[in-house]
Amino acid sequence: MSSLGFQTIYREIHAHDDATPSGRSCPTTSLPGARRACRFCTYESQQPVAEFSCLAFSVSYELELTGIFDMLELAGLPILREERDDRHPLVVCGGPLTFSNPVPLAPFADVVVLGESEDLIHVLCDALTLPRHELRTRLSQHPGFYLPGLSSTWPEVAKADDERLPARSQIVTPTPSSARCS
């Protein structure tokens, strides 16, 4: 939550044309840590994570992959991409790891966003209305998206326009995350 890149993407999603009037088009959660008995839900609405059509993860380095596995397991979702289908949320991964080494994400992510995503997030949001196969096919033709199992080459790493800088904080919560769990 402290990452300005994460907060920038959060703001872009809420600025997208299809953002809901309540401003809750992108609820947040994080790995519950030692409190694994907690229902794995979003902070804002307490909606179970598995009920969403898309789950997006920001991955900073390879050691965070185990956290993704834990979150998918807590949500009752298959960890491997090939074991998920249209009944399951689309798993999207982005973040600093994708700049340097997206290969470890390939068995687990349906979509890997390579680079700065300020513009790409809108392309992804528009594609989320499509069936999974069509979505993956469309994104595979767009620079900045790697579709494991579908893309045969590495796409160009996306760069945001300089006028989008500097990044700034977006997320303000009324209580610390440690107080949330029901």
N, C-alpha and C. Protein backbone atom coordinates (compact mmCIF):
# COMPACT_ATOMS: atom_id res chain seq x y z
N MET A 1 0.81 -1.20 0.00
CA MET A 1 0.00 0.00 0.00
C MET A 1 0.85 1.26 0.00
N SER A 2 2.09 1.15 0.44
CA SER A 2 2.93 2.34 0.49
C SER A 2 3.57 2.66 -0.86
N SER A 3 3.50 1.75 -1.82
CA SER A 3 4.09 1.97 -3.13
C SER A 3 3.32 3.05 -3.89
N LEU A 4 4.02 4.08 -4.33
CA LEU A 4 3.36 5.13 -5.11
C LEU A 4 2.91 4.61 -6.47
N GLY A 5 3.63 3.62 -7.01
CA GLY A 5 3.20 3.00 -8.26
C GLY A 5 1.87 2.29 -8.09
N PHE A 6 1.73 1.55 -7.01
CA PHE A 6 0.48 0.87 -6.69
C PHE A 6 -0.65 1.89 -6.55
N GLN A 7 -0.39 2.95 -5.84
CA GLN A 7 -1.41 3.97 -5.63
C GLN A 7 -1.78 4.70 -6.92
N THR A 8 -0.81 4.87 -7.80
CA THR A 8 -1.09 5.49 -9.10
C THR A 8 -2.04 4.62 -9.91
N ILE A 9 -1.80 3.31 -9.92
CA ILE A 9 -2.68 2.40 -10.66
C ILE A 9 -4.07 2.38 -10.03
N TYR A 10 -4.13 2.38 -8.72
CA TYR A 10 -5.41 2.43 -8.00
C TYR A 10 -6.20 3.66 -8.43
N ARG A 11 -5.53 4.81 -8.50
CA ARG A 11 -6.18 6.06 -8.92
C ARG A 11 -6.63 5.97 -10.38
N GLU A 12 -5.81 5.39 -11.25
CA GLU A 12 -6.17 5.26 -12.66
C GLU A 12 -7.39 4.38 -12.85
N ILE A 13 -7.49 3.30 -12.09
CA ILE A 13 -8.65 2.42 -12.18
C ILE A 13 -9.91 3.19 -11.80
N HIS A 14 -9.83 3.97 -10.72
CA HIS A 14 -10.99 4.73 -10.29
C HIS A 14 -11.32 5.88 -11.25
N ALA A 15 -10.37 6.32 -12.03
CA ALA A 15 -10.61 7.37 -13.02
C ALA A 15 -11.13 6.79 -14.34
N HIS A 16 -11.08 5.47 -14.48
CA HIS A 16 -11.51 4.83 -15.72
C HIS A 16 -13.00 5.06 -15.94
N ASP A 17 -13.42 5.13 -17.20
CA ASP A 17 -14.81 5.41 -17.56
C ASP A 17 -15.81 4.47 -16.91
N ASP A 18 -15.43 3.22 -16.68
CA ASP A 18 -16.36 2.24 -16.12
C ASP A 18 -16.31 2.16 -14.60
N ALA A 19 -15.61 3.07 -13.94
CA ALA A 19 -15.56 3.05 -12.48
C ALA A 19 -16.96 3.26 -11.93
N THR A 20 -17.28 2.55 -10.88
CA THR A 20 -18.63 2.64 -10.32
C THR A 20 -18.82 3.98 -9.63
N PRO A 21 -20.07 4.45 -9.51
CA PRO A 21 -20.34 5.73 -8.85
C PRO A 21 -19.86 5.76 -7.40
N SER A 22 -19.85 4.59 -6.73
CA SER A 22 -19.42 4.56 -5.33
C SER A 22 -17.91 4.66 -5.20
N GLY A 23 -17.19 4.56 -6.35
CA GLY A 23 -15.73 4.63 -6.30
C GLY A 23 -15.10 3.35 -5.81
N ARG A 24 -15.82 2.26 -5.82
CA ARG A 24 -15.31 0.99 -5.31
C ARG A 24 -15.10 -0.01 -6.44
N SER A 25 -14.57 0.42 -7.54
CA SER A 25 -14.31 -0.49 -8.65
C SER A 25 -13.04 -1.29 -8.42
N CYS A 26 -12.28 -0.91 -7.43
CA CYS A 26 -11.00 -1.56 -7.18
C CYS A 26 -10.77 -1.72 -5.68
N PRO A 27 -11.55 -2.59 -5.03
CA PRO A 27 -11.33 -2.78 -3.60
C PRO A 27 -9.97 -3.43 -3.35
N THR A 28 -9.45 -3.27 -2.16
CA THR A 28 -8.11 -3.75 -1.84
C THR A 28 -8.13 -4.80 -0.74
N THR A 29 -7.06 -5.56 -0.70
CA THR A 29 -6.82 -6.52 0.36
C THR A 29 -5.33 -6.79 0.42
N SER A 30 -4.92 -7.53 1.40
CA SER A 30 -3.53 -7.98 1.48
C SER A 30 -3.51 -9.30 2.22
N LEU A 31 -2.41 -9.99 2.15
CA LEU A 31 -2.27 -11.28 2.81
C LEU A 31 -2.49 -11.11 4.31
N PRO A 32 -3.40 -11.88 4.88
CA PRO A 32 -3.74 -11.67 6.29
C PRO A 32 -2.68 -12.07 7.31
N GLY A 33 -1.54 -12.58 6.91
CA GLY A 33 -0.49 -12.90 7.86
C GLY A 33 -0.87 -14.08 8.75
N ALA A 34 -0.64 -13.95 10.03
CA ALA A 34 -0.87 -15.04 10.97
C ALA A 34 -2.35 -15.31 11.19
N ARG A 35 -3.22 -14.39 10.81
CA ARG A 35 -4.65 -14.54 11.05
C ARG A 35 -5.32 -15.30 9.92
N ARG A 36 -4.85 -16.47 9.61
CA ARG A 36 -5.37 -17.24 8.48
C ARG A 36 -6.79 -17.74 8.70
N ALA A 37 -7.30 -17.66 9.91
CA ALA A 37 -8.67 -18.08 10.16
C ALA A 37 -9.67 -17.03 9.64
N CYS A 38 -9.17 -15.85 9.30
CA CYS A 38 -10.03 -14.79 8.77
C CYS A 38 -10.58 -15.19 7.41
N ARG A 39 -11.81 -14.77 7.15
CA ARG A 39 -12.35 -14.90 5.80
C ARG A 39 -11.53 -13.99 4.91
N PHE A 40 -11.14 -14.44 3.73
CA PHE A 40 -10.28 -13.65 2.86
C PHE A 40 -11.16 -12.75 1.99
N CYS A 41 -11.31 -11.50 2.44
CA CYS A 41 -12.22 -10.54 1.81
C CYS A 41 -11.50 -9.21 1.56
N THR A 42 -12.19 -8.35 0.83
CA THR A 42 -11.66 -7.01 0.60
C THR A 42 -11.84 -6.17 1.86
N TYR A 43 -11.01 -5.16 2.01
CA TYR A 43 -11.10 -4.28 3.17
C TYR A 43 -12.38 -3.44 3.13
N GLU A 44 -12.68 -2.89 1.95
CA GLU A 44 -13.76 -1.92 1.85
C GLU A 44 -15.15 -2.53 2.02
N SER A 45 -15.41 -3.66 1.34
CA SER A 45 -16.77 -4.21 1.31
C SER A 45 -16.90 -5.56 2.01
N GLN A 46 -15.79 -6.13 2.41
CA GLN A 46 -15.78 -7.47 2.99
C GLN A 46 -16.32 -8.52 2.01
N GLN A 47 -16.24 -8.24 0.70
CA GLN A 47 -16.65 -9.20 -0.32
C GLN A 47 -15.55 -10.24 -0.49
N PRO A 48 -15.89 -11.54 -0.54
CA PRO A 48 -14.87 -12.56 -0.74
C PRO A 48 -14.07 -12.31 -2.03
N VAL A 49 -12.78 -12.45 -1.94
CA VAL A 49 -11.87 -12.18 -3.06
C VAL A 49 -12.20 -13.05 -4.26
N ALA A 50 -12.58 -14.28 -4.04
CA ALA A 50 -12.85 -15.21 -5.15
C ALA A 50 -14.04 -14.80 -6.00
N GLU A 51 -14.88 -13.88 -5.53
CA GLU A 51 -16.07 -13.47 -6.27
C GLU A 51 -15.81 -12.41 -7.33
N PHE A 52 -14.60 -11.87 -7.39
CA PHE A 52 -14.29 -10.84 -8.37
C PHE A 52 -13.94 -11.46 -9.72
N SER A 53 -14.10 -10.70 -10.78
CA SER A 53 -13.77 -11.20 -12.12
C SER A 53 -12.28 -11.11 -12.42
N CYS A 54 -11.59 -10.26 -11.67
CA CYS A 54 -10.16 -10.06 -11.91
C CYS A 54 -9.47 -9.79 -10.58
N LEU A 55 -8.32 -10.42 -10.38
CA LEU A 55 -7.47 -10.16 -9.23
C LEU A 55 -6.14 -9.65 -9.76
N ALA A 56 -5.71 -8.51 -9.30
CA ALA A 56 -4.45 -7.92 -9.77
C ALA A 56 -3.47 -7.86 -8.61
N PHE A 57 -2.25 -8.31 -8.88
CA PHE A 57 -1.19 -8.33 -7.88
C PHE A 57 -0.04 -7.45 -8.33
N SER A 58 0.50 -6.70 -7.42
CA SER A 58 1.73 -5.96 -7.67
C SER A 58 2.86 -6.77 -7.04
N VAL A 59 3.83 -7.16 -7.85
CA VAL A 59 4.90 -8.04 -7.39
C VAL A 59 6.23 -7.31 -7.51
N SER A 60 6.89 -7.13 -6.37
CA SER A 60 8.15 -6.39 -6.37
C SER A 60 9.36 -7.28 -6.64
N TYR A 61 9.35 -8.50 -6.12
CA TYR A 61 10.49 -9.39 -6.31
C TYR A 61 10.02 -10.84 -6.18
N GLU A 62 10.88 -11.78 -6.58
CA GLU A 62 10.51 -13.19 -6.68
C GLU A 62 10.00 -13.77 -5.36
N LEU A 63 10.55 -13.35 -4.22
CA LEU A 63 10.13 -13.91 -2.94
C LEU A 63 8.68 -13.60 -2.60
N GLU A 64 8.07 -12.63 -3.27
CA GLU A 64 6.66 -12.33 -3.05
C GLU A 64 5.73 -13.33 -3.73
N LEU A 65 6.26 -14.19 -4.59
CA LEU A 65 5.42 -15.17 -5.27
C LEU A 65 4.70 -16.08 -4.27
N THR A 66 5.36 -16.44 -3.17
CA THR A 66 4.71 -17.31 -2.19
C THR A 66 3.49 -16.62 -1.58
N GLY A 67 3.53 -15.30 -1.46
CA GLY A 67 2.37 -14.55 -0.98
C GLY A 67 1.20 -14.65 -1.95
N ILE A 68 1.49 -14.61 -3.25
CA ILE A 68 0.43 -14.79 -4.25
C ILE A 68 -0.17 -16.18 -4.12
N PHE A 69 0.68 -17.19 -3.96
CA PHE A 69 0.18 -18.56 -3.79
C PHE A 69 -0.74 -18.64 -2.58
N ASP A 70 -0.30 -18.04 -1.48
CA ASP A 70 -1.09 -18.06 -0.25
C ASP A 70 -2.44 -17.37 -0.45
N MET A 71 -2.43 -16.22 -1.14
CA MET A 71 -3.67 -15.48 -1.35
C MET A 71 -4.63 -16.27 -2.25
N LEU A 72 -4.12 -16.87 -3.31
CA LEU A 72 -4.99 -17.67 -4.19
C LEU A 72 -5.54 -18.87 -3.42
N GLU A 73 -4.70 -19.51 -2.62
CA GLU A 73 -5.15 -20.64 -1.82
C GLU A 73 -6.22 -20.22 -0.80
N LEU A 74 -6.00 -19.10 -0.11
CA LEU A 74 -6.99 -18.60 0.85
C LEU A 74 -8.32 -18.27 0.18
N ALA A 75 -8.26 -17.84 -1.07
CA ALA A 75 -9.47 -17.52 -1.82
C ALA A 75 -10.13 -18.77 -2.40
N GLY A 76 -9.47 -19.92 -2.27
CA GLY A 76 -10.02 -21.16 -2.81
C GLY A 76 -9.85 -21.28 -4.32
N LEU A 77 -8.82 -20.63 -4.85
CA LEU A 77 -8.59 -20.62 -6.30
C LEU A 77 -7.37 -21.46 -6.66
N PRO A 78 -7.38 -22.09 -7.85
CA PRO A 78 -6.20 -22.82 -8.30
C PRO A 78 -5.00 -21.87 -8.45
N ILE A 79 -3.85 -22.33 -8.05
CA ILE A 79 -2.63 -21.51 -8.13
C ILE A 79 -2.11 -21.44 -9.57
N LEU A 80 -2.14 -22.56 -10.27
CA LEU A 80 -1.61 -22.61 -11.63
C LEU A 80 -2.60 -22.06 -12.65
N ARG A 81 -2.10 -21.25 -13.57
CA ARG A 81 -2.91 -20.65 -14.63
C ARG A 81 -3.68 -21.71 -15.40
N GLU A 82 -3.03 -22.80 -15.74
CA GLU A 82 -3.66 -23.83 -16.57
C GLU A 82 -4.80 -24.55 -15.87
N GLU A 83 -4.91 -24.41 -14.55
CA GLU A 83 -6.00 -25.05 -13.80
C GLU A 83 -7.20 -24.13 -13.60
N ARG A 84 -7.07 -22.87 -14.03
CA ARG A 84 -8.18 -21.92 -13.91
C ARG A 84 -8.91 -21.82 -15.25
N ASP A 85 -10.20 -21.49 -15.18
CA ASP A 85 -10.99 -21.30 -16.38
C ASP A 85 -11.90 -20.09 -16.19
N ASP A 86 -12.92 -19.96 -17.03
CA ASP A 86 -13.80 -18.79 -16.99
C ASP A 86 -14.58 -18.66 -15.68
N ARG A 87 -14.66 -19.72 -14.91
CA ARG A 87 -15.35 -19.65 -13.60
C ARG A 87 -14.52 -18.91 -12.56
N HIS A 88 -13.22 -18.78 -12.81
CA HIS A 88 -12.30 -18.18 -11.85
C HIS A 88 -11.93 -16.76 -12.25
N PRO A 89 -11.54 -15.95 -11.28
CA PRO A 89 -11.07 -14.59 -11.62
C PRO A 89 -9.82 -14.65 -12.51
N LEU A 90 -9.70 -13.68 -13.38
CA LEU A 90 -8.49 -13.50 -14.17
C LEU A 90 -7.40 -13.03 -13.21
N VAL A 91 -6.22 -13.62 -13.29
CA VAL A 91 -5.11 -13.24 -12.42
C VAL A 91 -4.12 -12.41 -13.24
N VAL A 92 -3.97 -11.15 -12.83
CA VAL A 92 -3.09 -10.20 -13.51
C VAL A 92 -1.95 -9.84 -12.55
N CYS A 93 -0.73 -9.86 -13.06
CA CYS A 93 0.43 -9.48 -12.25
C CYS A 93 1.19 -8.36 -12.94
N GLY A 94 1.58 -7.39 -12.15
CA GLY A 94 2.41 -6.29 -12.62
C GLY A 94 3.35 -5.92 -11.49
N GLY A 95 4.00 -4.81 -11.61
CA GLY A 95 4.90 -4.36 -10.56
C GLY A 95 6.35 -4.41 -10.98
N PRO A 96 7.24 -4.04 -10.08
CA PRO A 96 8.66 -3.95 -10.41
C PRO A 96 9.29 -5.23 -10.94
N LEU A 97 8.83 -6.40 -10.50
CA LEU A 97 9.40 -7.65 -10.99
C LEU A 97 9.26 -7.78 -12.49
N THR A 98 8.18 -7.28 -13.05
CA THR A 98 7.94 -7.45 -14.48
C THR A 98 8.93 -6.66 -15.33
N PHE A 99 9.56 -5.65 -14.75
CA PHE A 99 10.59 -4.90 -15.49
C PHE A 99 11.81 -5.77 -15.74
N SER A 100 12.15 -6.60 -14.76
CA SER A 100 13.41 -7.32 -14.82
C SER A 100 13.27 -8.81 -15.13
N ASN A 101 12.23 -9.47 -14.61
CA ASN A 101 12.15 -10.91 -14.79
C ASN A 101 10.71 -11.42 -14.64
N PRO A 102 9.90 -11.31 -15.67
CA PRO A 102 8.52 -11.79 -15.57
C PRO A 102 8.39 -13.31 -15.68
N VAL A 103 9.46 -14.01 -16.03
CA VAL A 103 9.40 -15.46 -16.25
C VAL A 103 8.83 -16.22 -15.05
N PRO A 104 9.21 -15.91 -13.79
CA PRO A 104 8.64 -16.67 -12.67
C PRO A 104 7.13 -16.54 -12.54
N LEU A 105 6.53 -15.53 -13.13
CA LEU A 105 5.07 -15.34 -13.04
C LEU A 105 4.29 -16.18 -14.06
N ALA A 106 4.96 -16.66 -15.10
CA ALA A 106 4.28 -17.32 -16.22
C ALA A 106 3.38 -18.49 -15.82
N PRO A 107 3.77 -19.38 -14.92
CA PRO A 107 2.87 -20.50 -14.60
C PRO A 107 1.62 -20.10 -13.80
N PHE A 108 1.61 -18.88 -13.25
CA PHE A 108 0.57 -18.49 -12.31
C PHE A 108 -0.34 -17.37 -12.80
N ALA A 109 0.15 -16.50 -13.65
CA ALA A 109 -0.60 -15.32 -14.10
C ALA A 109 -1.26 -15.57 -15.44
N ASP A 110 -2.49 -15.07 -15.59
CA ASP A 110 -3.15 -15.09 -16.89
C ASP A 110 -2.63 -13.96 -17.76
N VAL A 111 -2.30 -12.84 -17.13
CA VAL A 111 -1.79 -11.66 -17.82
C VAL A 111 -0.66 -11.08 -16.99
N VAL A 112 0.46 -10.75 -17.65
CA VAL A 112 1.56 -10.06 -16.98
C VAL A 112 1.73 -8.71 -17.67
N VAL A 113 1.67 -7.66 -16.87
CA VAL A 113 1.83 -6.31 -17.39
C VAL A 113 3.29 -5.92 -17.22
N LEU A 114 3.95 -5.60 -18.33
CA LEU A 114 5.37 -5.28 -18.31
C LEU A 114 5.58 -3.78 -18.37
N GLY A 115 6.12 -3.23 -17.30
CA GLY A 115 6.48 -1.82 -17.30
C GLY A 115 5.52 -0.94 -16.54
N GLU A 116 5.59 0.33 -16.84
CA GLU A 116 4.75 1.33 -16.20
C GLU A 116 3.35 1.24 -16.79
N SER A 117 2.36 1.16 -15.94
CA SER A 117 1.02 0.77 -16.39
C SER A 117 -0.03 1.86 -16.38
N GLU A 118 0.37 3.10 -16.25
CA GLU A 118 -0.61 4.19 -16.19
C GLU A 118 -1.56 4.19 -17.39
N ASP A 119 -1.07 3.87 -18.56
CA ASP A 119 -1.93 3.80 -19.75
C ASP A 119 -2.46 2.39 -19.98
N LEU A 120 -1.63 1.39 -19.70
CA LEU A 120 -2.03 0.01 -19.93
C LEU A 120 -3.22 -0.41 -19.08
N ILE A 121 -3.37 0.15 -17.90
CA ILE A 121 -4.47 -0.25 -17.02
C ILE A 121 -5.82 0.05 -17.67
N HIS A 122 -5.89 1.09 -18.48
CA HIS A 122 -7.14 1.42 -19.17
C HIS A 122 -7.44 0.42 -20.29
N VAL A 123 -6.40 -0.04 -20.96
CA VAL A 123 -6.56 -1.08 -21.99
C VAL A 123 -7.07 -2.36 -21.32
N LEU A 124 -6.47 -2.70 -20.18
CA LEU A 124 -6.90 -3.88 -19.44
C LEU A 124 -8.35 -3.74 -18.97
N CYS A 125 -8.69 -2.61 -18.38
CA CYS A 125 -10.06 -2.38 -17.89
C CYS A 125 -11.07 -2.52 -19.03
N ASP A 126 -10.77 -1.98 -20.19
CA ASP A 126 -11.67 -2.10 -21.34
C ASP A 126 -11.83 -3.55 -21.77
N ALA A 127 -10.76 -4.33 -21.71
CA ALA A 127 -10.79 -5.73 -22.15
C ALA A 127 -11.48 -6.65 -21.15
N LEU A 128 -11.65 -6.22 -19.92
CA LEU A 128 -12.23 -7.09 -18.89
C LEU A 128 -13.68 -7.49 -19.17
N THR A 129 -14.34 -6.82 -20.10
CA THR A 129 -15.72 -7.18 -20.45
C THR A 129 -15.76 -8.37 -21.41
N LEU A 130 -14.63 -8.75 -21.96
CA LEU A 130 -14.57 -9.83 -22.95
C LEU A 130 -14.44 -11.20 -22.28
N PRO A 131 -14.87 -12.27 -22.95
CA PRO A 131 -14.57 -13.62 -22.44
C PRO A 131 -13.05 -13.80 -22.35
N ARG A 132 -12.61 -14.64 -21.45
CA ARG A 132 -11.17 -14.81 -21.15
C ARG A 132 -10.32 -15.04 -22.40
N HIS A 133 -10.74 -15.93 -23.28
CA HIS A 133 -9.93 -16.21 -24.47
C HIS A 133 -9.79 -14.98 -25.36
N GLU A 134 -10.90 -14.28 -25.57
CA GLU A 134 -10.85 -13.06 -26.39
C GLU A 134 -10.01 -11.98 -25.72
N LEU A 135 -10.15 -11.83 -24.41
CA LEU A 135 -9.36 -10.85 -23.66
C LEU A 135 -7.87 -11.13 -23.83
N ARG A 136 -7.48 -12.39 -23.62
CA ARG A 136 -6.06 -12.75 -23.73
C ARG A 136 -5.55 -12.54 -25.16
N THR A 137 -6.37 -12.88 -26.15
CA THR A 137 -5.95 -12.69 -27.54
C THR A 137 -5.77 -11.21 -27.84
N ARG A 138 -6.72 -10.38 -27.41
CA ARG A 138 -6.62 -8.93 -27.67
C ARG A 138 -5.38 -8.34 -26.99
N LEU A 139 -5.18 -8.68 -25.72
CA LEU A 139 -4.04 -8.11 -24.99
C LEU A 139 -2.71 -8.60 -25.55
N SER A 140 -2.67 -9.81 -26.09
CA SER A 140 -1.41 -10.34 -26.64
C SER A 140 -0.95 -9.52 -27.84
N GLN A 141 -1.85 -8.78 -28.45
CA GLN A 141 -1.52 -7.96 -29.61
C GLN A 141 -1.15 -6.53 -29.22
N HIS A 142 -1.17 -6.24 -27.93
CA HIS A 142 -0.91 -4.89 -27.44
C HIS A 142 0.43 -4.85 -26.73
N PRO A 143 1.32 -3.90 -27.06
CA PRO A 143 2.60 -3.78 -26.36
C PRO A 143 2.40 -3.60 -24.85
N GLY A 144 3.24 -4.24 -24.06
CA GLY A 144 3.20 -4.11 -22.61
C GLY A 144 2.48 -5.25 -21.91
N PHE A 145 1.84 -6.14 -22.67
CA PHE A 145 1.14 -7.28 -22.06
C PHE A 145 1.81 -8.57 -22.51
N TYR A 146 2.17 -9.39 -21.54
CA TYR A 146 2.69 -10.73 -21.80
C TYR A 146 1.61 -11.72 -21.37
N LEU A 147 1.22 -12.62 -22.27
CA LEU A 147 0.18 -13.59 -22.00
C LEU A 147 0.82 -14.97 -21.97
N PRO A 148 1.18 -15.47 -20.79
CA PRO A 148 1.83 -16.78 -20.69
C PRO A 148 1.00 -17.86 -21.38
N GLY A 149 1.68 -18.69 -22.16
CA GLY A 149 1.00 -19.76 -22.89
C GLY A 149 0.41 -19.30 -24.21
N LEU A 150 0.41 -18.00 -24.47
CA LEU A 150 -0.17 -17.46 -25.70
C LEU A 150 0.85 -16.61 -26.45
N SER A 151 1.55 -15.75 -25.75
CA SER A 151 2.55 -14.88 -26.39
C SER A 151 3.78 -15.71 -26.74
N SER A 152 4.28 -15.53 -27.95
CA SER A 152 5.47 -16.27 -28.36
C SER A 152 6.74 -15.41 -28.26
N THR A 153 6.56 -14.11 -28.07
CA THR A 153 7.70 -13.21 -27.91
C THR A 153 7.43 -12.28 -26.73
N TRP A 154 8.51 -11.67 -26.24
CA TRP A 154 8.37 -10.70 -25.14
C TRP A 154 7.91 -9.38 -25.71
N PRO A 155 6.86 -8.81 -25.14
CA PRO A 155 6.43 -7.49 -25.61
C PRO A 155 7.38 -6.41 -25.11
N GLU A 156 7.24 -5.27 -25.70
CA GLU A 156 8.00 -4.10 -25.27
C GLU A 156 7.55 -3.70 -23.86
N VAL A 157 8.49 -3.28 -23.03
CA VAL A 157 8.17 -2.82 -21.68
C VAL A 157 7.59 -1.41 -21.79
N ALA A 158 6.44 -1.20 -21.17
CA ALA A 158 5.72 0.08 -21.28
C ALA A 158 6.38 1.16 -20.43
N LYS A 159 6.33 2.39 -20.92
CA LYS A 159 6.83 3.55 -20.18
C LYS A 159 5.73 4.60 -20.15
N ALA A 160 5.51 5.15 -18.98
CA ALA A 160 4.49 6.20 -18.84
C ALA A 160 5.03 7.52 -19.35
N ASP A 161 4.12 8.39 -19.80
CA ASP A 161 4.52 9.72 -20.23
C ASP A 161 5.02 10.51 -19.03
N ASP A 162 6.02 11.36 -19.24
CA ASP A 162 6.62 12.14 -18.16
C ASP A 162 5.62 13.07 -17.47
N GLU A 163 4.59 13.53 -18.19
CA GLU A 163 3.63 14.44 -17.56
C GLU A 163 2.77 13.76 -16.49
N ARG A 164 2.82 12.44 -16.42
CA ARG A 164 2.10 11.72 -15.37
C ARG A 164 2.84 11.77 -14.03
N LEU A 165 4.02 12.28 -14.03
CA LEU A 165 4.83 12.33 -12.80
C LEU A 165 4.68 13.69 -12.14
N PRO A 166 4.91 13.82 -10.87
CA PRO A 166 5.37 12.78 -9.96
C PRO A 166 4.21 11.96 -9.44
N ALA A 167 4.52 10.75 -8.98
CA ALA A 167 3.52 9.90 -8.34
C ALA A 167 3.17 10.52 -6.99
N ARG A 168 1.93 10.28 -6.54
CA ARG A 168 1.51 10.82 -5.24
C ARG A 168 0.60 9.82 -4.55
N SER A 169 0.45 9.98 -3.25
CA SER A 169 -0.36 9.08 -2.46
C SER A 169 -1.83 9.20 -2.82
N GLN A 170 -2.53 8.08 -2.83
CA GLN A 170 -3.95 8.04 -3.16
C GLN A 170 -4.78 7.40 -2.05
N ILE A 171 -4.24 6.41 -1.38
CA ILE A 171 -5.02 5.60 -0.46
C ILE A 171 -4.95 6.14 0.96
N VAL A 172 -6.11 6.43 1.51
CA VAL A 172 -6.22 6.90 2.88
C VAL A 172 -7.23 5.98 3.56
N THR A 173 -6.85 5.37 4.67
CA THR A 173 -7.75 4.47 5.37
C THR A 173 -8.11 5.01 6.74
N PRO A 174 -9.33 4.75 7.20
CA PRO A 174 -9.75 5.26 8.50
C PRO A 174 -9.15 4.49 9.67
N THR A 175 -8.78 3.23 9.47
CA THR A 175 -8.19 2.42 10.53
C THR A 175 -6.99 1.68 9.99
N PRO A 176 -6.05 1.31 10.86
CA PRO A 176 -4.90 0.52 10.39
C PRO A 176 -5.35 -0.85 9.91
N SER A 177 -4.62 -1.41 8.95
CA SER A 177 -5.01 -2.69 8.38
C SER A 177 -5.04 -3.80 9.43
N SER A 178 -4.27 -3.69 10.48
CA SER A 178 -4.24 -4.74 11.49
C SER A 178 -5.56 -4.83 12.25
N ALA A 179 -6.39 -3.78 12.18
CA ALA A 179 -7.67 -3.79 12.88
C ALA A 179 -8.79 -4.38 12.05
N ARG A 180 -8.51 -4.72 10.79
CA ARG A 180 -9.54 -5.21 9.88
C ARG A 180 -9.48 -6.73 9.75
N CYS A 181 -10.50 -7.39 10.10
CA CYS A 181 -10.67 -8.80 9.85
C CYS A 181 -11.96 -9.24 10.50
N SER A 182 -12.80 -9.91 9.75
CA SER A 182 -14.03 -10.39 10.36
C SER A 182 -14.29 -11.82 9.97
